[in-house]
Amino acid sequence: MDEKPDDVLTIKELAAYLKIPQSTLYKLVREGKIPSQKIGRHWRFRKEGIDRWLDETRSSEADSGGDP
């Protein structure tokens, strides 16, 4: 696999990437609303999966009449 170190994000890195508080990100993880994987005590996120999730979330909100 040709993964670069930036392909997998920590909670802190993903919170900065999404520009949201870490507490909000932990809530999304607990509710199973964001693609994540727990490794030991640590949560990790594939950037590719997060980008896909953002696109899907935006599409579903537009379909349901939410704000674009």
N, C-alpha and C. Protein backbone atom coordinates (compact mmCIF):
# COMPACT_ATOMS: atom_id res chain seq x y z
N MET A 1 0.84 -1.18 0.00
CA MET A 1 0.00 0.00 0.00
C MET A 1 0.88 1.24 0.00
N ASP A 2 0.51 2.24 -0.76
CA ASP A 2 1.31 3.45 -0.89
C ASP A 2 0.76 4.58 -0.02
N GLU A 3 0.56 4.32 1.25
CA GLU A 3 0.03 5.35 2.14
C GLU A 3 1.14 6.28 2.60
N LYS A 4 0.85 7.57 2.60
CA LYS A 4 1.76 8.56 3.14
C LYS A 4 1.35 8.80 4.59
N PRO A 5 2.26 9.30 5.41
CA PRO A 5 1.90 9.55 6.82
C PRO A 5 0.68 10.45 6.97
N ASP A 6 0.45 11.38 6.04
CA ASP A 6 -0.69 12.28 6.13
C ASP A 6 -2.01 11.62 5.75
N ASP A 7 -1.97 10.37 5.28
CA ASP A 7 -3.19 9.68 4.88
C ASP A 7 -4.01 9.22 6.09
N VAL A 8 -3.37 9.10 7.25
CA VAL A 8 -4.04 8.69 8.48
C VAL A 8 -3.91 9.83 9.48
N LEU A 9 -5.05 10.27 10.02
CA LEU A 9 -5.08 11.43 10.90
C LEU A 9 -5.43 11.05 12.33
N THR A 10 -4.91 11.80 13.27
CA THR A 10 -5.28 11.66 14.68
C THR A 10 -6.50 12.54 14.95
N ILE A 11 -7.06 12.42 16.14
CA ILE A 11 -8.17 13.28 16.54
C ILE A 11 -7.78 14.76 16.40
N LYS A 12 -6.62 15.11 16.91
CA LYS A 12 -6.17 16.51 16.88
C LYS A 12 -5.99 16.99 15.44
N GLU A 13 -5.38 16.17 14.60
CA GLU A 13 -5.17 16.55 13.20
C GLU A 13 -6.49 16.68 12.45
N LEU A 14 -7.41 15.74 12.70
CA LEU A 14 -8.69 15.79 12.01
C LEU A 14 -9.53 16.98 12.47
N ALA A 15 -9.48 17.28 13.76
CA ALA A 15 -10.22 18.45 14.26
C ALA A 15 -9.71 19.72 13.58
N ALA A 16 -8.40 19.83 13.40
CA ALA A 16 -7.83 20.99 12.70
C ALA A 16 -8.24 20.98 11.23
N TYR A 17 -8.21 19.80 10.60
CA TYR A 17 -8.58 19.67 9.19
C TYR A 17 -10.03 20.08 8.95
N LEU A 18 -10.93 19.64 9.86
CA LEU A 18 -12.35 19.96 9.72
C LEU A 18 -12.71 21.31 10.33
N LYS A 19 -11.76 21.90 11.07
CA LYS A 19 -11.98 23.18 11.76
C LYS A 19 -13.15 23.11 12.73
N ILE A 20 -13.13 22.04 13.55
CA ILE A 20 -14.13 21.86 14.59
C ILE A 20 -13.41 21.51 15.89
N PRO A 21 -14.07 21.73 17.03
CA PRO A 21 -13.44 21.36 18.31
C PRO A 21 -13.28 19.84 18.43
N GLN A 22 -12.26 19.43 19.15
CA GLN A 22 -12.05 18.00 19.37
C GLN A 22 -13.25 17.36 20.07
N SER A 23 -13.90 18.10 20.95
CA SER A 23 -15.06 17.55 21.67
C SER A 23 -16.19 17.21 20.70
N THR A 24 -16.38 18.02 19.68
CA THR A 24 -17.41 17.74 18.67
C THR A 24 -17.03 16.49 17.89
N LEU A 25 -15.76 16.36 17.58
CA LEU A 25 -15.29 15.19 16.84
C LEU A 25 -15.47 13.92 17.66
N TYR A 26 -15.16 13.97 18.95
CA TYR A 26 -15.38 12.80 19.82
C TYR A 26 -16.86 12.42 19.84
N LYS A 27 -17.74 13.41 19.85
CA LYS A 27 -19.18 13.15 19.84
C LYS A 27 -19.58 12.43 18.55
N LEU A 28 -19.09 12.90 17.41
CA LEU A 28 -19.38 12.26 16.13
C LEU A 28 -18.89 10.81 16.11
N VAL A 29 -17.72 10.58 16.70
CA VAL A 29 -17.15 9.22 16.77
C VAL A 29 -18.04 8.33 17.63
N ARG A 30 -18.41 8.83 18.81
CA ARG A 30 -19.26 8.04 19.72
C ARG A 30 -20.59 7.67 19.09
N GLU A 31 -21.14 8.59 18.30
CA GLU A 31 -22.44 8.36 17.66
C GLU A 31 -22.31 7.55 16.37
N GLY A 32 -21.08 7.23 15.97
CA GLY A 32 -20.86 6.45 14.76
C GLY A 32 -21.18 7.21 13.49
N LYS A 33 -21.10 8.52 13.54
CA LYS A 33 -21.47 9.34 12.39
C LYS A 33 -20.31 9.67 11.47
N ILE A 34 -19.11 9.30 11.87
CA ILE A 34 -17.93 9.62 11.07
C ILE A 34 -17.08 8.36 10.93
N PRO A 35 -16.52 8.10 9.75
CA PRO A 35 -15.72 6.88 9.59
C PRO A 35 -14.44 6.95 10.43
N SER A 36 -14.28 5.97 11.30
CA SER A 36 -13.13 5.98 12.21
C SER A 36 -12.74 4.56 12.56
N GLN A 37 -11.55 4.45 13.14
CA GLN A 37 -11.07 3.15 13.60
C GLN A 37 -10.31 3.37 14.89
N LYS A 38 -10.62 2.55 15.88
CA LYS A 38 -9.93 2.65 17.16
C LYS A 38 -8.77 1.66 17.16
N ILE A 39 -7.59 2.17 17.45
CA ILE A 39 -6.39 1.33 17.54
C ILE A 39 -5.89 1.49 18.96
N GLY A 40 -6.10 0.43 19.75
CA GLY A 40 -5.78 0.53 21.17
C GLY A 40 -6.70 1.55 21.80
N ARG A 41 -6.12 2.56 22.41
CA ARG A 41 -6.91 3.64 23.03
C ARG A 41 -7.05 4.85 22.12
N HIS A 42 -6.53 4.76 20.92
CA HIS A 42 -6.46 5.93 20.04
C HIS A 42 -7.36 5.79 18.83
N TRP A 43 -7.98 6.88 18.44
CA TRP A 43 -8.81 6.92 17.24
C TRP A 43 -7.97 7.39 16.06
N ARG A 44 -8.18 6.74 14.91
CA ARG A 44 -7.50 7.13 13.69
C ARG A 44 -8.52 7.25 12.57
N PHE A 45 -8.20 8.10 11.61
CA PHE A 45 -9.12 8.42 10.52
C PHE A 45 -8.34 8.45 9.22
N ARG A 46 -8.86 7.77 8.20
CA ARG A 46 -8.24 7.85 6.87
C ARG A 46 -8.75 9.12 6.19
N LYS A 47 -7.83 9.94 5.72
CA LYS A 47 -8.20 11.21 5.09
C LYS A 47 -9.12 10.96 3.90
N GLU A 48 -8.84 9.93 3.12
CA GLU A 48 -9.67 9.61 1.96
C GLU A 48 -11.11 9.30 2.38
N GLY A 49 -11.27 8.54 3.46
CA GLY A 49 -12.60 8.22 3.96
C GLY A 49 -13.33 9.44 4.50
N ILE A 50 -12.60 10.33 5.13
CA ILE A 50 -13.20 11.56 5.66
C ILE A 50 -13.66 12.45 4.52
N ASP A 51 -12.83 12.58 3.49
CA ASP A 51 -13.22 13.40 2.34
C ASP A 51 -14.47 12.83 1.66
N ARG A 52 -14.54 11.52 1.54
CA ARG A 52 -15.72 10.87 0.95
C ARG A 52 -16.94 11.12 1.83
N TRP A 53 -16.77 10.99 3.15
CA TRP A 53 -17.86 11.22 4.11
C TRP A 53 -18.37 12.66 4.01
N LEU A 54 -17.46 13.62 3.86
CA LEU A 54 -17.87 15.02 3.71
C LEU A 54 -18.70 15.21 2.45
N ASP A 55 -18.27 14.60 1.35
CA ASP A 55 -19.02 14.71 0.09
C ASP A 55 -20.40 14.07 0.22
N GLU A 56 -20.47 12.90 0.86
CA GLU A 56 -21.75 12.21 1.02
C GLU A 56 -22.67 12.98 1.95
N THR A 57 -22.12 13.55 3.02
CA THR A 57 -22.91 14.33 3.97
C THR A 57 -23.49 15.56 3.28
N ARG A 58 -22.68 16.21 2.48
CA ARG A 58 -23.13 17.40 1.76
C ARG A 58 -24.24 17.01 0.77
N SER A 59 -24.07 15.89 0.07
CA SER A 59 -25.07 15.44 -0.90
C SER A 59 -26.38 15.09 -0.21
N SER A 60 -26.32 14.38 0.91
CA SER A 60 -27.55 13.98 1.58
C SER A 60 -28.28 15.18 2.18
N GLU A 61 -27.55 16.19 2.66
CA GLU A 61 -28.19 17.39 3.19
C GLU A 61 -28.86 18.18 2.08
N ALA A 62 -28.23 18.24 0.92
CA ALA A 62 -28.81 18.96 -0.21
C ALA A 62 -30.08 18.25 -0.68
N ASP A 63 -30.06 16.92 -0.69
CA ASP A 63 -31.23 16.13 -1.10
C ASP A 63 -32.39 16.30 -0.14
N SER A 64 -32.09 16.49 1.15
CA SER A 64 -33.15 16.60 2.15
C SER A 64 -33.59 18.04 2.38
N GLY A 65 -33.03 18.97 1.61
CA GLY A 65 -33.43 20.36 1.75
C GLY A 65 -32.65 21.13 2.77
N GLY A 66 -31.53 20.56 3.26
CA GLY A 66 -30.71 21.26 4.23
C GLY A 66 -29.92 22.36 3.57
N ASP A 67 -29.21 23.12 4.38
CA ASP A 67 -28.38 24.20 3.85
C ASP A 67 -27.22 23.62 3.08
N PRO A 68 -26.87 24.20 1.93
CA PRO A 68 -25.73 23.70 1.14
C PRO A 68 -24.42 24.00 1.78
